[in-house]
Amino acid sequence: SGFGGPMRSPPPKPPASPGDPPGTAPLAPVLQLLRNQIQEKDALLRHLESDWERSRAQREREERLLVTAWYNMGLALQQQEGGTAPRGHPAGAQSFLAQQRLATITRRVRTPHGRLSSS
């Protein structure tokens, strides 16, 4: 009509996702990108949490080994000194904890490395 050229329709727009304001670029690719970033961060978080849990477990094992080593050193020192009982306690009296430790040590001596001997 006004310019004498053939009427052309506007170029087709990519389909907008529901909720996109008219005349704006579709948000679906941006949303997908953000979802992917969240998934990557979640995976990193899970990885870091598992690393932390492994570190915590390792630290606890090391602490138990240190306590056991100190106990065994004290026991060996006491036996070296002739097994004298601490002042105020008769020779046979031991605390419950000391009895349990002694039982554990005896059990370990009988079954090396916590394994049952194959006889």
N, C-alpha and C. Protein backbone atom coordinates (compact mmCIF):
# COMPACT_ATOMS: atom_id res chain seq x y z
N SER A 1 0.79 -1.18 0.00
CA SER A 1 0.00 0.00 0.00
C SER A 1 0.84 1.25 0.00
N GLY A 2 1.63 1.57 0.98
CA GLY A 2 2.30 2.84 1.00
C GLY A 2 3.60 2.87 0.23
N PHE A 3 4.40 1.78 0.23
CA PHE A 3 5.72 1.81 -0.39
C PHE A 3 5.77 1.12 -1.73
N GLY A 4 4.77 0.48 -2.12
CA GLY A 4 4.71 -0.16 -3.41
C GLY A 4 5.38 -1.51 -3.44
N GLY A 5 6.00 -1.95 -2.38
CA GLY A 5 6.65 -3.26 -2.34
C GLY A 5 5.69 -4.34 -1.87
N PRO A 6 6.06 -5.58 -2.10
CA PRO A 6 5.19 -6.66 -1.65
C PRO A 6 5.12 -6.67 -0.12
N MET A 7 3.99 -7.07 0.38
CA MET A 7 3.80 -7.16 1.83
C MET A 7 4.56 -8.37 2.36
N ARG A 8 5.43 -8.14 3.30
CA ARG A 8 6.15 -9.25 3.92
C ARG A 8 5.69 -9.36 5.37
N SER A 9 5.62 -10.62 5.82
CA SER A 9 5.26 -10.80 7.23
C SER A 9 6.54 -10.70 8.05
N PRO A 10 6.43 -10.30 9.32
CA PRO A 10 7.64 -10.20 10.15
C PRO A 10 8.29 -11.56 10.32
N PRO A 11 9.60 -11.59 10.58
CA PRO A 11 10.27 -12.89 10.74
C PRO A 11 9.67 -13.63 11.93
N PRO A 12 9.61 -14.96 11.81
CA PRO A 12 9.00 -15.72 12.91
C PRO A 12 9.87 -15.64 14.16
N LYS A 13 9.25 -15.46 15.30
CA LYS A 13 9.96 -15.40 16.57
C LYS A 13 10.06 -16.80 17.13
N PRO A 14 11.11 -17.06 17.87
CA PRO A 14 11.16 -18.37 18.52
C PRO A 14 10.00 -18.48 19.49
N PRO A 15 9.49 -19.68 19.66
CA PRO A 15 8.33 -19.81 20.54
C PRO A 15 8.71 -19.42 21.97
N ALA A 16 7.92 -18.58 22.55
CA ALA A 16 8.17 -18.13 23.92
C ALA A 16 7.56 -19.14 24.87
N SER A 17 8.24 -19.35 25.96
CA SER A 17 7.68 -20.28 26.94
C SER A 17 6.57 -19.56 27.68
N PRO A 18 5.64 -20.30 28.24
CA PRO A 18 4.54 -19.66 28.96
C PRO A 18 5.10 -18.79 30.08
N GLY A 19 4.58 -17.64 30.21
CA GLY A 19 5.02 -16.74 31.25
C GLY A 19 6.05 -15.72 30.77
N ASP A 20 6.59 -15.90 29.55
CA ASP A 20 7.53 -14.91 29.03
C ASP A 20 6.74 -13.66 28.64
N PRO A 21 7.24 -12.48 29.02
CA PRO A 21 6.54 -11.27 28.58
C PRO A 21 6.61 -11.14 27.06
N PRO A 22 5.58 -10.62 26.44
CA PRO A 22 5.61 -10.47 24.98
C PRO A 22 6.74 -9.54 24.55
N GLY A 23 7.37 -9.88 23.46
CA GLY A 23 8.43 -9.05 22.90
C GLY A 23 9.79 -9.29 23.55
N THR A 24 9.93 -10.26 24.42
CA THR A 24 11.23 -10.56 25.03
C THR A 24 11.73 -11.90 24.53
N ALA A 25 13.02 -12.10 24.67
CA ALA A 25 13.61 -13.38 24.26
C ALA A 25 13.10 -14.47 25.21
N PRO A 26 12.97 -15.68 24.72
CA PRO A 26 12.49 -16.77 25.58
C PRO A 26 13.46 -17.02 26.74
N LEU A 27 12.92 -17.34 27.89
CA LEU A 27 13.73 -17.53 29.08
C LEU A 27 14.16 -19.00 29.26
N ALA A 28 13.61 -19.90 28.48
CA ALA A 28 13.92 -21.32 28.66
C ALA A 28 15.42 -21.62 28.62
N PRO A 29 16.19 -21.11 27.65
CA PRO A 29 17.62 -21.41 27.65
C PRO A 29 18.33 -20.87 28.88
N VAL A 30 17.94 -19.69 29.33
CA VAL A 30 18.56 -19.09 30.51
C VAL A 30 18.22 -19.93 31.74
N LEU A 31 16.96 -20.33 31.85
CA LEU A 31 16.56 -21.17 32.98
C LEU A 31 17.31 -22.50 32.98
N GLN A 32 17.46 -23.08 31.81
CA GLN A 32 18.18 -24.35 31.72
C GLN A 32 19.63 -24.17 32.14
N LEU A 33 20.25 -23.07 31.72
CA LEU A 33 21.62 -22.77 32.11
C LEU A 33 21.73 -22.64 33.63
N LEU A 34 20.79 -21.93 34.23
CA LEU A 34 20.80 -21.76 35.69
C LEU A 34 20.57 -23.10 36.40
N ARG A 35 19.68 -23.91 35.87
CA ARG A 35 19.45 -25.24 36.46
C ARG A 35 20.72 -26.09 36.39
N ASN A 36 21.41 -26.01 35.26
CA ASN A 36 22.67 -26.76 35.12
C ASN A 36 23.71 -26.29 36.13
N GLN A 37 23.79 -24.96 36.32
CA GLN A 37 24.74 -24.42 37.29
C GLN A 37 24.38 -24.90 38.70
N ILE A 38 23.11 -24.92 39.02
CA ILE A 38 22.68 -25.40 40.35
C ILE A 38 23.06 -26.87 40.52
N GLN A 39 22.84 -27.68 39.48
CA GLN A 39 23.19 -29.10 39.56
C GLN A 39 24.69 -29.28 39.76
N GLU A 40 25.50 -28.48 39.05
CA GLU A 40 26.95 -28.56 39.21
C GLU A 40 27.37 -28.18 40.62
N LYS A 41 26.76 -27.13 41.15
CA LYS A 41 27.10 -26.69 42.51
C LYS A 41 26.64 -27.73 43.53
N ASP A 42 25.48 -28.35 43.30
CA ASP A 42 25.01 -29.42 44.20
C ASP A 42 25.98 -30.60 44.19
N ALA A 43 26.46 -30.96 42.99
CA ALA A 43 27.41 -32.07 42.88
C ALA A 43 28.71 -31.72 43.61
N LEU A 44 29.18 -30.49 43.45
CA LEU A 44 30.39 -30.05 44.14
C LEU A 44 30.18 -30.08 45.65
N LEU A 45 29.03 -29.63 46.10
CA LEU A 45 28.70 -29.63 47.52
C LEU A 45 28.69 -31.05 48.08
N ARG A 46 28.06 -31.97 47.35
CA ARG A 46 28.04 -33.38 47.80
C ARG A 46 29.46 -33.94 47.88
N HIS A 47 30.29 -33.60 46.89
CA HIS A 47 31.67 -34.07 46.87
C HIS A 47 32.44 -33.52 48.07
N LEU A 48 32.28 -32.22 48.35
CA LEU A 48 32.98 -31.60 49.48
C LEU A 48 32.49 -32.18 50.81
N GLU A 49 31.18 -32.45 50.91
CA GLU A 49 30.65 -33.04 52.14
C GLU A 49 31.21 -34.44 52.36
N SER A 50 31.32 -35.22 51.29
CA SER A 50 31.87 -36.57 51.44
C SER A 50 33.36 -36.51 51.80
N ASP A 51 34.09 -35.55 51.21
CA ASP A 51 35.50 -35.36 51.58
C ASP A 51 35.62 -35.01 53.06
N TRP A 52 34.75 -34.10 53.52
CA TRP A 52 34.78 -33.69 54.92
C TRP A 52 34.48 -34.88 55.82
N GLU A 53 33.50 -35.69 55.44
CA GLU A 53 33.13 -36.86 56.24
C GLU A 53 34.30 -37.85 56.31
N ARG A 54 34.97 -38.06 55.18
CA ARG A 54 36.13 -38.97 55.18
C ARG A 54 37.24 -38.41 56.06
N SER A 55 37.47 -37.10 55.99
CA SER A 55 38.50 -36.47 56.83
C SER A 55 38.17 -36.61 58.31
N ARG A 56 36.90 -36.40 58.64
CA ARG A 56 36.47 -36.52 60.03
C ARG A 56 36.67 -37.94 60.53
N ALA A 57 36.28 -38.93 59.73
CA ALA A 57 36.44 -40.33 60.12
C ALA A 57 37.91 -40.67 60.29
N GLN A 58 38.75 -40.17 59.39
CA GLN A 58 40.20 -40.42 59.48
C GLN A 58 40.76 -39.81 60.76
N ARG A 59 40.35 -38.58 61.07
CA ARG A 59 40.82 -37.92 62.28
C ARG A 59 40.40 -38.70 63.53
N GLU A 60 39.16 -39.20 63.54
CA GLU A 60 38.69 -39.99 64.68
C GLU A 60 39.50 -41.28 64.83
N ARG A 61 39.81 -41.93 63.70
CA ARG A 61 40.64 -43.15 63.76
C ARG A 61 42.01 -42.84 64.34
N GLU A 62 42.60 -41.73 63.88
CA GLU A 62 43.92 -41.34 64.38
C GLU A 62 43.88 -41.03 65.87
N GLU A 63 42.82 -40.35 66.31
CA GLU A 63 42.69 -40.05 67.74
C GLU A 63 42.59 -41.33 68.56
N ARG A 64 41.79 -42.29 68.07
CA ARG A 64 41.67 -43.57 68.78
C ARG A 64 43.00 -44.29 68.84
N LEU A 65 43.75 -44.25 67.74
CA LEU A 65 45.07 -44.89 67.74
C LEU A 65 46.02 -44.22 68.72
N LEU A 66 45.96 -42.89 68.80
CA LEU A 66 46.81 -42.18 69.75
C LEU A 66 46.45 -42.54 71.19
N VAL A 67 45.16 -42.58 71.50
CA VAL A 67 44.73 -42.93 72.85
C VAL A 67 45.18 -44.35 73.18
N THR A 68 45.02 -45.26 72.24
CA THR A 68 45.44 -46.65 72.46
C THR A 68 46.94 -46.73 72.68
N ALA A 69 47.70 -45.98 71.87
CA ALA A 69 49.15 -46.00 72.02
C ALA A 69 49.57 -45.47 73.39
N TRP A 70 48.97 -44.37 73.82
CA TRP A 70 49.29 -43.82 75.14
C TRP A 70 48.93 -44.83 76.24
N TYR A 71 47.78 -45.45 76.09
CA TYR A 71 47.37 -46.43 77.10
C TYR A 71 48.36 -47.59 77.14
N ASN A 72 48.72 -48.10 75.97
CA ASN A 72 49.65 -49.23 75.91
C ASN A 72 51.02 -48.85 76.47
N MET A 73 51.46 -47.61 76.20
CA MET A 73 52.74 -47.16 76.76
C MET A 73 52.67 -47.11 78.28
N GLY A 74 51.57 -46.58 78.80
CA GLY A 74 51.40 -46.51 80.25
C GLY A 74 51.35 -47.88 80.88
N LEU A 75 50.65 -48.80 80.21
CA LEU A 75 50.55 -50.18 80.71
C LEU A 75 51.93 -50.84 80.70
N ALA A 76 52.68 -50.65 79.62
CA ALA A 76 54.01 -51.23 79.53
C ALA A 76 54.93 -50.64 80.59
N LEU A 77 54.84 -49.35 80.83
CA LEU A 77 55.65 -48.69 81.84
C LEU A 77 55.30 -49.23 83.22
N GLN A 78 54.02 -49.40 83.46
CA GLN A 78 53.58 -49.92 84.76
C GLN A 78 54.10 -51.34 84.96
N GLN A 79 54.06 -52.15 83.91
CA GLN A 79 54.55 -53.53 84.02
C GLN A 79 56.06 -53.55 84.19
N GLN A 80 56.76 -52.61 83.56
CA GLN A 80 58.21 -52.51 83.69
C GLN A 80 58.61 -52.18 85.13
N GLU A 81 57.81 -51.35 85.77
CA GLU A 81 58.10 -50.94 87.13
C GLU A 81 57.75 -52.02 88.14
N GLY A 82 57.36 -53.15 87.69
CA GLY A 82 57.07 -54.26 88.58
C GLY A 82 55.59 -54.39 88.90
N GLY A 83 54.75 -53.71 88.17
CA GLY A 83 53.32 -53.86 88.37
C GLY A 83 52.83 -53.28 89.68
N THR A 84 53.51 -52.29 90.20
CA THR A 84 53.07 -51.70 91.45
C THR A 84 51.76 -50.97 91.24
N ALA A 85 50.83 -51.16 92.17
CA ALA A 85 49.52 -50.53 92.06
C ALA A 85 49.63 -49.08 92.50
N PRO A 86 48.79 -48.20 91.96
CA PRO A 86 48.81 -46.81 92.38
C PRO A 86 48.46 -46.70 93.87
N ARG A 87 48.94 -45.63 94.50
CA ARG A 87 48.70 -45.44 95.93
C ARG A 87 47.21 -45.41 96.22
N GLY A 88 46.83 -46.04 97.32
CA GLY A 88 45.45 -46.00 97.75
C GLY A 88 44.58 -47.08 97.13
N HIS A 89 45.09 -47.84 96.20
CA HIS A 89 44.30 -48.89 95.56
C HIS A 89 44.96 -50.24 95.81
N PRO A 90 44.18 -51.22 96.21
CA PRO A 90 44.77 -52.55 96.36
C PRO A 90 45.23 -53.07 95.00
N ALA A 91 46.14 -54.02 95.00
CA ALA A 91 46.78 -54.50 93.77
C ALA A 91 45.77 -55.02 92.74
N GLY A 92 44.66 -55.63 93.17
CA GLY A 92 43.73 -56.22 92.22
C GLY A 92 42.65 -55.27 91.73
N ALA A 93 42.46 -54.12 92.37
CA ALA A 93 41.35 -53.24 92.01
C ALA A 93 41.70 -52.45 90.74
N GLN A 94 40.77 -52.47 89.78
CA GLN A 94 40.93 -51.69 88.55
C GLN A 94 39.58 -51.06 88.21
N SER A 95 39.64 -49.94 87.55
CA SER A 95 38.39 -49.32 87.13
C SER A 95 37.76 -50.17 86.03
N PHE A 96 36.48 -49.95 85.80
CA PHE A 96 35.77 -50.68 84.76
C PHE A 96 36.45 -50.46 83.41
N LEU A 97 36.80 -49.22 83.14
CA LEU A 97 37.43 -48.90 81.86
C LEU A 97 38.77 -49.63 81.70
N ALA A 98 39.56 -49.66 82.77
CA ALA A 98 40.85 -50.37 82.71
C ALA A 98 40.63 -51.86 82.46
N GLN A 99 39.61 -52.42 83.10
CA GLN A 99 39.31 -53.85 82.87
C GLN A 99 38.92 -54.10 81.42
N GLN A 100 38.11 -53.19 80.84
CA GLN A 100 37.69 -53.36 79.45
C GLN A 100 38.87 -53.24 78.50
N ARG A 101 39.75 -52.30 78.76
CA ARG A 101 40.94 -52.14 77.92
C ARG A 101 41.82 -53.38 78.00
N LEU A 102 41.99 -53.89 79.20
CA LEU A 102 42.80 -55.09 79.39
C LEU A 102 42.19 -56.27 78.64
N ALA A 103 40.87 -56.41 78.71
CA ALA A 103 40.20 -57.49 77.98
C ALA A 103 40.40 -57.34 76.48
N THR A 104 40.33 -56.11 75.99
CA THR A 104 40.52 -55.87 74.55
C THR A 104 41.94 -56.22 74.13
N ILE A 105 42.91 -55.82 74.93
CA ILE A 105 44.31 -56.11 74.61
C ILE A 105 44.53 -57.62 74.61
N THR A 106 43.98 -58.29 75.61
CA THR A 106 44.14 -59.75 75.68
C THR A 106 43.51 -60.41 74.47
N ARG A 107 42.34 -59.94 74.06
CA ARG A 107 41.66 -60.50 72.89
C ARG A 107 42.50 -60.28 71.64
N ARG A 108 43.11 -59.10 71.52
CA ARG A 108 43.93 -58.81 70.33
C ARG A 108 45.18 -59.68 70.29
N VAL A 109 45.73 -59.98 71.46
CA VAL A 109 46.92 -60.82 71.51
C VAL A 109 46.56 -62.23 71.05
N ARG A 110 45.40 -62.69 71.47
CA ARG A 110 44.97 -64.04 71.08
C ARG A 110 44.59 -64.12 69.61
N THR A 111 43.97 -63.10 69.06
CA THR A 111 43.57 -63.09 67.65
C THR A 111 44.22 -61.90 66.97
N PRO A 112 45.39 -62.10 66.33
CA PRO A 112 46.12 -60.98 65.72
C PRO A 112 45.29 -60.23 64.69
N HIS A 113 45.39 -58.93 64.73
CA HIS A 113 44.73 -58.03 63.77
C HIS A 113 43.22 -58.18 63.77
N GLY A 114 42.66 -58.64 64.87
CA GLY A 114 41.21 -58.75 64.96
C GLY A 114 40.62 -59.89 64.16
N ARG A 115 41.46 -60.75 63.62
CA ARG A 115 40.95 -61.87 62.81
C ARG A 115 40.97 -63.14 63.63
N LEU A 116 40.05 -63.99 63.37
CA LEU A 116 40.04 -65.28 64.04
C LEU A 116 41.13 -66.15 63.46
N SER A 117 41.85 -66.82 64.33
CA SER A 117 42.92 -67.68 63.81
C SER A 117 42.29 -68.94 63.22
N SER A 118 42.81 -69.36 62.08
CA SER A 118 42.27 -70.54 61.41
C SER A 118 43.02 -71.77 61.89
N SER A 119 42.44 -72.45 62.90
CA SER A 119 43.11 -73.64 63.43
C SER A 119 42.38 -74.88 63.04
